[in-house]
Amino acid sequence: MIRAGIIGATGYTGIELLRLLNSHPSARIHTVTSRTEQGKTVAAVFPALRGQTDLEYQGPETPLLKECNVIFFTTPNATAMYQVADLLD
């Protein structure tokens, strides 16, 4: 099973990716991050996803990201280049 992380999982792209990965037979979403929704569940922020995930938004510096096999950045341009070096270490 591939553990996936989604950074910036509150925008359109992040939510659509979350939906796709939820139905993927070989992937499990390990963590999702959001600066603005940290501490809230995905279902609380997006009621349409109620019953599909019990994940809670973490801050962008969560150590859970280092446990992922793959990380998706669904953030504004250039955001990834500031965070990816820490994740690769």
PDB file of N, CA and C in Angstrom:
ATOM      1  N   MET A   1       0.849  -1.183   0.000  1.00  0.00           N
ATOM      2  CA  MET A   1       0.000   0.000   0.000  1.00  0.00           C
ATOM      3  C   MET A   1       0.890   1.240   0.000  1.00  0.00           C
ATOM      4  N   ILE A   2       0.598   2.162  -0.871  1.00  0.00           N
ATOM      5  CA  ILE A   2       1.345   3.413  -0.973  1.00  0.00           C
ATOM      6  C   ILE A   2       0.713   4.430  -0.030  1.00  0.00           C
ATOM      7  N   ARG A   3       1.542   4.988   0.869  1.00  0.00           N
ATOM      8  CA  ARG A   3       1.071   6.040   1.786  1.00  0.00           C
ATOM      9  C   ARG A   3       1.283   7.385   1.086  1.00  0.00           C
ATOM     10  N   ALA A   4       0.200   8.125   0.926  1.00  0.00           N
ATOM     11  CA  ALA A   4       0.252   9.402   0.216  1.00  0.00           C
ATOM     12  C   ALA A   4      -0.044  10.563   1.154  1.00  0.00           C
ATOM     13  N   GLY A   5       0.604  11.678   0.895  1.00  0.00           N
ATOM     14  CA  GLY A   5       0.336  12.918   1.592  1.00  0.00           C
ATOM     15  C   GLY A   5      -0.089  13.968   0.586  1.00  0.00           C
ATOM     16  N   ILE A   6      -0.998  14.833   0.997  1.00  0.00           N
ATOM     17  CA  ILE A   6      -1.436  15.930   0.132  1.00  0.00           C
ATOM     18  C   ILE A   6      -1.184  17.231   0.881  1.00  0.00           C
ATOM     19  N   ILE A   7      -0.309  18.041   0.330  1.00  0.00           N
ATOM     20  CA  ILE A   7      -0.006  19.348   0.917  1.00  0.00           C
ATOM     21  C   ILE A   7      -0.883  20.389   0.239  1.00  0.00           C
ATOM     22  N   GLY A   8      -1.630  21.114   1.041  1.00  0.00           N
ATOM     23  CA  GLY A   8      -2.544  22.119   0.501  1.00  0.00           C
ATOM     24  C   GLY A   8      -3.845  21.496   0.033  1.00  0.00           C
ATOM     25  N   ALA A   9      -4.389  20.607   0.837  1.00  0.00           N
ATOM     26  CA  ALA A   9      -5.551  19.813   0.429  1.00  0.00           C
ATOM     27  C   ALA A   9      -6.882  20.490   0.689  1.00  0.00           C
ATOM     28  N   THR A  10      -6.957  21.803   0.496  1.00  0.00           N
ATOM     29  CA  THR A  10      -8.237  22.482   0.679  1.00  0.00           C
ATOM     30  C   THR A  10      -8.741  23.152  -0.594  1.00  0.00           C
ATOM     31  N   GLY A  11      -7.898  23.263  -1.578  1.00  0.00           N
ATOM     32  CA  GLY A  11      -8.323  23.857  -2.840  1.00  0.00           C
ATOM     33  C   GLY A  11      -8.967  22.826  -3.748  1.00  0.00           C
ATOM     34  N   TYR A  12      -9.417  23.279  -4.892  1.00  0.00           N
ATOM     35  CA  TYR A  12     -10.095  22.391  -5.836  1.00  0.00           C
ATOM     36  C   TYR A  12      -9.228  21.187  -6.208  1.00  0.00           C
ATOM     37  N   THR A  13      -7.976  21.419  -6.564  1.00  0.00           N
ATOM     38  CA  THR A  13      -7.089  20.332  -6.976  1.00  0.00           C
ATOM     39  C   THR A  13      -6.851  19.358  -5.833  1.00  0.00           C
ATOM     40  N   GLY A  14      -6.628  19.870  -4.640  1.00  0.00           N
ATOM     41  CA  GLY A  14      -6.387  19.009  -3.491  1.00  0.00           C
ATOM     42  C   GLY A  14      -7.564  18.125  -3.152  1.00  0.00           C
ATOM     43  N   ILE A  15      -8.760  18.666  -3.202  1.00  0.00           N
ATOM     44  CA  ILE A  15      -9.961  17.903  -2.887  1.00  0.00           C
ATOM     45  C   ILE A  15     -10.227  16.858  -3.964  1.00  0.00           C
ATOM     46  N   GLU A  16     -10.042  17.205  -5.227  1.00  0.00           N
ATOM     47  CA  GLU A  16     -10.233  16.226  -6.294  1.00  0.00           C
ATOM     48  C   GLU A  16      -9.200  15.103  -6.191  1.00  0.00           C
ATOM     49  N   LEU A  17      -7.973  15.442  -5.855  1.00  0.00           N
ATOM     50  CA  LEU A  17      -6.941  14.426  -5.652  1.00  0.00           C
ATOM     51  C   LEU A  17      -7.312  13.523  -4.485  1.00  0.00           C
ATOM     52  N   LEU A  18      -7.799  14.098  -3.416  1.00  0.00           N
ATOM     53  CA  LEU A  18      -8.232  13.316  -2.261  1.00  0.00           C
ATOM     54  C   LEU A  18      -9.329  12.321  -2.668  1.00  0.00           C
ATOM     55  N   ARG A  19     -10.280  12.778  -3.447  1.00  0.00           N
ATOM     56  CA  ARG A  19     -11.352  11.886  -3.910  1.00  0.00           C
ATOM     57  C   ARG A  19     -10.800  10.745  -4.756  1.00  0.00           C
ATOM     58  N   LEU A  20      -9.891  11.066  -5.664  1.00  0.00           N
ATOM     59  CA  LEU A  20      -9.311  10.040  -6.535  1.00  0.00           C
ATOM     60  C   LEU A  20      -8.501   9.019  -5.743  1.00  0.00           C
ATOM     61  N   LEU A  21      -7.668   9.508  -4.841  1.00  0.00           N
ATOM     62  CA  LEU A  21      -6.837   8.586  -4.060  1.00  0.00           C
ATOM     63  C   LEU A  21      -7.669   7.732  -3.107  1.00  0.00           C
ATOM     64  N   ASN A  22      -8.770   8.264  -2.619  1.00  0.00           N
ATOM     65  CA  ASN A  22      -9.646   7.481  -1.737  1.00  0.00           C
ATOM     66  C   ASN A  22     -10.165   6.221  -2.420  1.00  0.00           C
ATOM     67  N   SER A  23     -10.325   6.285  -3.725  1.00  0.00           N
ATOM     68  CA  SER A  23     -10.859   5.122  -4.438  1.00  0.00           C
ATOM     69  C   SER A  23      -9.768   4.287  -5.115  1.00  0.00           C
ATOM     70  N   HIS A  24      -8.520   4.679  -4.965  1.00  0.00           N
ATOM     71  CA  HIS A  24      -7.420   3.932  -5.588  1.00  0.00           C
ATOM     72  C   HIS A  24      -7.126   2.674  -4.767  1.00  0.00           C
ATOM     73  N   PRO A  25      -7.058   1.520  -5.423  1.00  0.00           N
ATOM     74  CA  PRO A  25      -6.868   0.276  -4.671  1.00  0.00           C
ATOM     75  C   PRO A  25      -5.489   0.104  -4.034  1.00  0.00           C
ATOM     76  N   SER A  26      -4.484   0.837  -4.513  1.00  0.00           N
ATOM     77  CA  SER A  26      -3.120   0.669  -3.992  1.00  0.00           C
ATOM     78  C   SER A  26      -2.625   1.856  -3.181  1.00  0.00           C
ATOM     79  N   ALA A  27      -3.484   2.812  -2.925  1.00  0.00           N
ATOM     80  CA  ALA A  27      -3.067   4.015  -2.203  1.00  0.00           C
ATOM     81  C   ALA A  27      -3.923   4.228  -0.962  1.00  0.00           C
ATOM     82  N   ARG A  28      -3.285   4.799   0.040  1.00  0.00           N
ATOM     83  CA  ARG A  28      -3.991   5.213   1.256  1.00  0.00           C
ATOM     84  C   ARG A  28      -3.485   6.601   1.599  1.00  0.00           C
ATOM     85  N   ILE A  29      -4.391   7.529   1.810  1.00  0.00           N
ATOM     86  CA  ILE A  29      -3.982   8.885   2.179  1.00  0.00           C
ATOM     87  C   ILE A  29      -3.559   8.859   3.640  1.00  0.00           C
ATOM     88  N   HIS A  30      -2.314   9.172   3.862  1.00  0.00           N
ATOM     89  CA  HIS A  30      -1.738   9.119   5.207  1.00  0.00           C
ATOM     90  C   HIS A  30      -1.939  10.437   5.952  1.00  0.00           C
ATOM     91  N   THR A  31      -1.828  11.550   5.233  1.00  0.00           N
ATOM     92  CA  THR A  31      -2.007  12.856   5.869  1.00  0.00           C
ATOM     93  C   THR A  31      -2.367  13.911   4.827  1.00  0.00           C
ATOM     94  N   VAL A  32      -3.075  14.922   5.282  1.00  0.00           N
ATOM     95  CA  VAL A  32      -3.409  16.090   4.461  1.00  0.00           C
ATOM     96  C   VAL A  32      -3.042  17.337   5.269  1.00  0.00           C
ATOM     97  N   THR A  33      -2.573  18.365   4.585  1.00  0.00           N
ATOM     98  CA  THR A  33      -2.174  19.568   5.307  1.00  0.00           C
ATOM     99  C   THR A  33      -2.937  20.794   4.820  1.00  0.00           C
ATOM    100  N   SER A  34      -3.032  21.740   5.719  1.00  0.00           N
ATOM    101  CA  SER A  34      -3.623  23.037   5.417  1.00  0.00           C
ATOM    102  C   SER A  34      -3.204  24.015   6.511  1.00  0.00           C
ATOM    103  N   ARG A  35      -2.753  25.163   6.118  1.00  0.00           N
ATOM    104  CA  ARG A  35      -2.412  26.191   7.105  1.00  0.00           C
ATOM    105  C   ARG A  35      -3.671  26.768   7.754  1.00  0.00           C
ATOM    106  N   THR A  36      -4.707  26.946   6.968  1.00  0.00           N
ATOM    107  CA  THR A  36      -5.902  27.629   7.473  1.00  0.00           C
ATOM    108  C   THR A  36      -6.894  26.705   8.166  1.00  0.00           C
ATOM    109  N   GLU A  37      -6.887  25.413   7.820  1.00  0.00           N
ATOM    110  CA  GLU A  37      -7.876  24.485   8.383  1.00  0.00           C
ATOM    111  C   GLU A  37      -7.258  23.493   9.372  1.00  0.00           C
ATOM    112  N   GLN A  38      -6.038  23.739   9.784  1.00  0.00           N
ATOM    113  CA  GLN A  38      -5.320  22.843  10.701  1.00  0.00           C
ATOM    114  C   GLN A  38      -6.173  22.531  11.932  1.00  0.00           C
ATOM    115  N   GLY A  39      -6.265  21.230  12.269  1.00  0.00           N
ATOM    116  CA  GLY A  39      -7.028  20.794  13.428  1.00  0.00           C
ATOM    117  C   GLY A  39      -8.472  20.415  13.130  1.00  0.00           C
ATOM    118  N   LYS A  40      -8.968  20.778  11.964  1.00  0.00           N
ATOM    119  CA  LYS A  40     -10.336  20.430  11.573  1.00  0.00           C
ATOM    120  C   LYS A  40     -10.317  19.148  10.739  1.00  0.00           C
ATOM    121  N   THR A  41     -11.401  18.408  10.775  1.00  0.00           N
ATOM    122  CA  THR A  41     -11.485  17.230   9.924  1.00  0.00           C
ATOM    123  C   THR A  41     -11.842  17.648   8.499  1.00  0.00           C
ATOM    124  N   VAL A  42     -11.468  16.800   7.552  1.00  0.00           N
ATOM    125  CA  VAL A  42     -11.804  17.066   6.154  1.00  0.00           C
ATOM    126  C   VAL A  42     -13.321  17.146   6.002  1.00  0.00           C
ATOM    127  N   ALA A  43     -14.036  16.246   6.657  1.00  0.00           N
ATOM    128  CA  ALA A  43     -15.500  16.223   6.559  1.00  0.00           C
ATOM    129  C   ALA A  43     -16.145  17.479   7.138  1.00  0.00           C
ATOM    130  N   ALA A  44     -15.525  18.079   8.149  1.00  0.00           N
ATOM    131  CA  ALA A  44     -16.073  19.314   8.718  1.00  0.00           C
ATOM    132  C   ALA A  44     -15.925  20.476   7.743  1.00  0.00           C
ATOM    133  N   VAL A  45     -14.841  20.476   6.998  1.00  0.00           N
ATOM    134  CA  VAL A  45     -14.592  21.561   6.034  1.00  0.00           C
ATOM    135  C   VAL A  45     -15.338  21.306   4.724  1.00  0.00           C
ATOM    136  N   PHE A  46     -15.429  20.036   4.340  1.00  0.00           N
ATOM    137  CA  PHE A  46     -16.100  19.649   3.100  1.00  0.00           C
ATOM    138  C   PHE A  46     -17.145  18.572   3.420  1.00  0.00           C
ATOM    139  N   PRO A  47     -18.347  18.978   3.796  1.00  0.00           N
ATOM    140  CA  PRO A  47     -19.392  18.020   4.201  1.00  0.00           C
ATOM    141  C   PRO A  47     -19.692  16.947   3.145  1.00  0.00           C
ATOM    142  N   ALA A  48     -19.447  17.235   1.886  1.00  0.00           N
ATOM    143  CA  ALA A  48     -19.692  16.246   0.835  1.00  0.00           C
ATOM    144  C   ALA A  48     -18.780  15.028   0.978  1.00  0.00           C
ATOM    145  N   LEU A  49     -17.706  15.155   1.736  1.00  0.00           N
ATOM    146  CA  LEU A  49     -16.773  14.045   1.938  1.00  0.00           C
ATOM    147  C   LEU A  49     -17.048  13.281   3.227  1.00  0.00           C
ATOM    148  N   ARG A  50     -18.116  13.620   3.912  1.00  0.00           N
ATOM    149  CA  ARG A  50     -18.491  12.914   5.138  1.00  0.00           C
ATOM    150  C   ARG A  50     -18.653  11.430   4.836  1.00  0.00           C
ATOM    151  N   GLY A  51     -18.061  10.598   5.652  1.00  0.00           N
ATOM    152  CA  GLY A  51     -18.134   9.163   5.462  1.00  0.00           C
ATOM    153  C   GLY A  51     -17.082   8.601   4.528  1.00  0.00           C
ATOM    154  N   GLN A  52     -16.356   9.462   3.837  1.00  0.00           N
ATOM    155  CA  GLN A  52     -15.310   9.006   2.915  1.00  0.00           C
ATOM    156  C   GLN A  52     -13.928   9.051   3.538  1.00  0.00           C
ATOM    157  N   THR A  53     -13.739   9.913   4.527  1.00  0.00           N
ATOM    158  CA  THR A  53     -12.442  10.026   5.183  1.00  0.00           C
ATOM    159  C   THR A  53     -12.627  10.547   6.595  1.00  0.00           C
ATOM    160  N   ASP A  54     -11.754  10.120   7.480  1.00  0.00           N
ATOM    161  CA  ASP A  54     -11.776  10.642   8.849  1.00  0.00           C
ATOM    162  C   ASP A  54     -10.494  11.432   9.145  1.00  0.00           C
ATOM    163  N   LEU A  55      -9.798  11.829   8.083  1.00  0.00           N
ATOM    164  CA  LEU A  55      -8.554  12.567   8.241  1.00  0.00           C
ATOM    165  C   LEU A  55      -8.782  13.947   8.836  1.00  0.00           C
ATOM    166  N   GLU A  56      -7.782  14.400   9.568  1.00  0.00           N
ATOM    167  CA  GLU A  56      -7.782  15.741  10.144  1.00  0.00           C
ATOM    168  C   GLU A  56      -6.641  16.517   9.493  1.00  0.00           C
ATOM    169  N   TYR A  57      -6.903  17.760   9.142  1.00  0.00           N
ATOM    170  CA  TYR A  57      -5.858  18.599   8.545  1.00  0.00           C
ATOM    171  C   TYR A  57      -4.738  18.855   9.553  1.00  0.00           C
ATOM    172  N   GLN A  58      -3.518  18.666   9.090  1.00  0.00           N
ATOM    173  CA  GLN A  58      -2.322  18.916   9.875  1.00  0.00           C
ATOM    174  C   GLN A  58      -1.648  20.186   9.359  1.00  0.00           C
ATOM    175  N   GLY A  59      -0.754  20.730  10.148  1.00  0.00           N
ATOM    176  CA  GLY A  59       0.044  21.859   9.690  1.00  0.00           C
ATOM    177  C   GLY A  59       1.067  21.393   8.665  1.00  0.00           C
ATOM    178  N   PRO A  60       1.598  22.299   7.866  1.00  0.00           N
ATOM    179  CA  PRO A  60       2.525  21.911   6.797  1.00  0.00           C
ATOM    180  C   PRO A  60       3.855  21.334   7.296  1.00  0.00           C
ATOM    181  N   GLU A  61       4.165  21.467   8.553  1.00  0.00           N
ATOM    182  CA  GLU A  61       5.415  20.934   9.083  1.00  0.00           C
ATOM    183  C   GLU A  61       5.208  19.597   9.797  1.00  0.00           C
ATOM    184  N   THR A  62       4.071  18.955   9.620  1.00  0.00           N
ATOM    185  CA  THR A  62       3.772  17.707  10.324  1.00  0.00           C
ATOM    186  C   THR A  62       4.797  16.614  10.011  1.00  0.00           C
ATOM    187  N   PRO A  63       5.249  15.904  11.019  1.00  0.00           N
ATOM    188  CA  PRO A  63       6.186  14.799  10.780  1.00  0.00           C
ATOM    189  C   PRO A  63       5.544  13.634  10.025  1.00  0.00           C
ATOM    190  N   LEU A  64       4.227  13.602   9.931  1.00  0.00           N
ATOM    191  CA  LEU A  64       3.546  12.540   9.190  1.00  0.00           C
ATOM    192  C   LEU A  64       3.939  12.535   7.718  1.00  0.00           C
ATOM    193  N   LEU A  65       4.330  13.682   7.183  1.00  0.00           N
ATOM    194  CA  LEU A  65       4.733  13.753   5.778  1.00  0.00           C
ATOM    195  C   LEU A  65       5.967  12.896   5.506  1.00  0.00           C
ATOM    196  N   LYS A  66       6.859  12.805   6.474  1.00  0.00           N
ATOM    197  CA  LYS A  66       8.080  12.014   6.283  1.00  0.00           C
ATOM    198  C   LYS A  66       7.798  10.517   6.270  1.00  0.00           C
ATOM    199  N   GLU A  67       6.602  10.103   6.672  1.00  0.00           N
ATOM    200  CA  GLU A  67       6.203   8.696   6.644  1.00  0.00           C
ATOM    201  C   GLU A  67       5.553   8.317   5.313  1.00  0.00           C
ATOM    202  N   CYS A  68       5.358   9.282   4.430  1.00  0.00           N
ATOM    203  CA  CYS A  68       4.680   9.038   3.156  1.00  0.00           C
ATOM    204  C   CYS A  68       5.652   8.510   2.105  1.00  0.00           C
ATOM    205  N   ASN A  69       5.133   7.677   1.212  1.00  0.00           N
ATOM    206  CA  ASN A  69       5.904   7.203   0.060  1.00  0.00           C
ATOM    207  C   ASN A  69       5.873   8.212  -1.079  1.00  0.00           C
ATOM    208  N   VAL A  70       4.796   8.965  -1.146  1.00  0.00           N
ATOM    209  CA  VAL A  70       4.625   9.976  -2.185  1.00  0.00           C
ATOM    210  C   VAL A  70       3.888  11.166  -1.578  1.00  0.00           C
ATOM    211  N   ILE A  71       4.285  12.363  -2.002  1.00  0.00           N
ATOM    212  CA  ILE A  71       3.640  13.584  -1.514  1.00  0.00           C
ATOM    213  C   ILE A  71       3.235  14.422  -2.717  1.00  0.00           C
ATOM    214  N   PHE A  72       1.999  14.864  -2.701  1.00  0.00           N
ATOM    215  CA  PHE A  72       1.470  15.722  -3.754  1.00  0.00           C
ATOM    216  C   PHE A  72       1.382  17.146  -3.224  1.00  0.00           C
ATOM    217  N   PHE A  73       1.876  18.087  -4.011  1.00  0.00           N
ATOM    218  CA  PHE A  73       1.737  19.502  -3.683  1.00  0.00           C
ATOM    219  C   PHE A  73       0.598  20.065  -4.521  1.00  0.00           C
ATOM    220  N   THR A  74      -0.465  20.484  -3.879  1.00  0.00           N
ATOM    221  CA  THR A  74      -1.585  21.128  -4.564  1.00  0.00           C
ATOM    222  C   THR A  74      -1.659  22.558  -4.042  1.00  0.00           C
ATOM    223  N   THR A  75      -0.550  23.231  -4.201  1.00  0.00           N
ATOM    224  CA  THR A  75      -0.331  24.561  -3.640  1.00  0.00           C
ATOM    225  C   THR A  75      -0.058  25.559  -4.765  1.00  0.00           C
ATOM    226  N   PRO A  76      -0.044  26.836  -4.449  1.00  0.00           N
ATOM    227  CA  PRO A  76       0.301  27.831  -5.467  1.00  0.00           C
ATOM    228  C   PRO A  76       1.718  27.602  -6.012  1.00  0.00           C
ATOM    229  N   ASN A  77       1.956  28.137  -7.189  1.00  0.00           N
ATOM    230  CA  ASN A  77       3.265  28.014  -7.826  1.00  0.00           C
ATOM    231  C   ASN A  77       4.395  28.402  -6.879  1.00  0.00           C
ATOM    232  N   ALA A  78       5.477  27.672  -6.950  1.00  0.00           N
ATOM    233  CA  ALA A  78       6.729  27.908  -6.219  1.00  0.00           C
ATOM    234  C   ALA A  78       6.684  27.487  -4.757  1.00  0.00           C
ATOM    235  N   THR A  79       5.537  27.147  -4.218  1.00  0.00           N
ATOM    236  CA  THR A  79       5.466  26.742  -2.818  1.00  0.00           C
ATOM    237  C   THR A  79       6.281  25.480  -2.571  1.00  0.00           C
ATOM    238  N   ALA A  80       6.200  24.534  -3.468  1.00  0.00           N
ATOM    239  CA  ALA A  80       6.893  23.253  -3.291  1.00  0.00           C
ATOM    240  C   ALA A  80       8.396  23.426  -3.178  1.00  0.00           C
ATOM    241  N   MET A  81       8.974  24.332  -3.943  1.00  0.00           N
ATOM    242  CA  MET A  81      10.434  24.453  -3.938  1.00  0.00           C
ATOM    243  C   MET A  81      10.991  24.889  -2.578  1.00  0.00           C
ATOM    244  N   TYR A  82      10.163  25.461  -1.731  1.00  0.00           N
ATOM    245  CA  TYR A  82      10.626  25.865  -0.413  1.00  0.00           C
ATOM    246  C   TYR A  82      10.483  24.740   0.614  1.00  0.00           C
ATOM    247  N   GLN A  83       9.645  23.760   0.352  1.00  0.00           N
ATOM    248  CA  GLN A  83       9.397  22.710   1.326  1.00  0.00           C
ATOM    249  C   GLN A  83       9.971  21.347   0.928  1.00  0.00           C
ATOM    250  N   VAL A  84      10.182  21.127  -0.340  1.00  0.00           N
ATOM    251  CA  VAL A  84      10.588  19.810  -0.801  1.00  0.00           C
ATOM    252  C   VAL A  84      11.964  19.393  -0.294  1.00  0.00           C
ATOM    253  N   ALA A  85      12.894  20.287  -0.137  1.00  0.00           N
ATOM    254  CA  ALA A  85      14.235  19.928   0.341  1.00  0.00           C
ATOM    255  C   ALA A  85      14.185  19.290   1.731  1.00  0.00           C
ATOM    256  N   ASP A  86      13.377  19.822   2.618  1.00  0.00           N
ATOM    257  CA  ASP A  86      13.228  19.245   3.950  1.00  0.00           C
ATOM    258  C   ASP A  86      12.630  17.847   3.911  1.00  0.00           C
ATOM    259  N   LEU A  87      11.711  17.622   2.985  1.00  0.00           N
ATOM    260  CA  LEU A  87      11.057  16.328   2.874  1.00  0.00           C
ATOM    261  C   LEU A  87      11.994  15.267   2.297  1.00  0.00           C
ATOM    262  N   LEU A  88      12.911  15.688   1.447  1.00  0.00           N
ATOM    263  CA  LEU A  88      13.832  14.740   0.834  1.00  0.00           C
ATOM    264  C   LEU A  88      14.924  14.291   1.803  1.00  0.00           C
ATOM    265  N   ASP A  89      15.196  15.079   2.839  1.00  0.00           N
ATOM    266  CA  ASP A  89      16.251  14.731   3.789  1.00  0.00           C
ATOM    267  C   ASP A  89      15.945  13.498   4.556  1.00  0.00           C
TER     268      ASP A  89
END
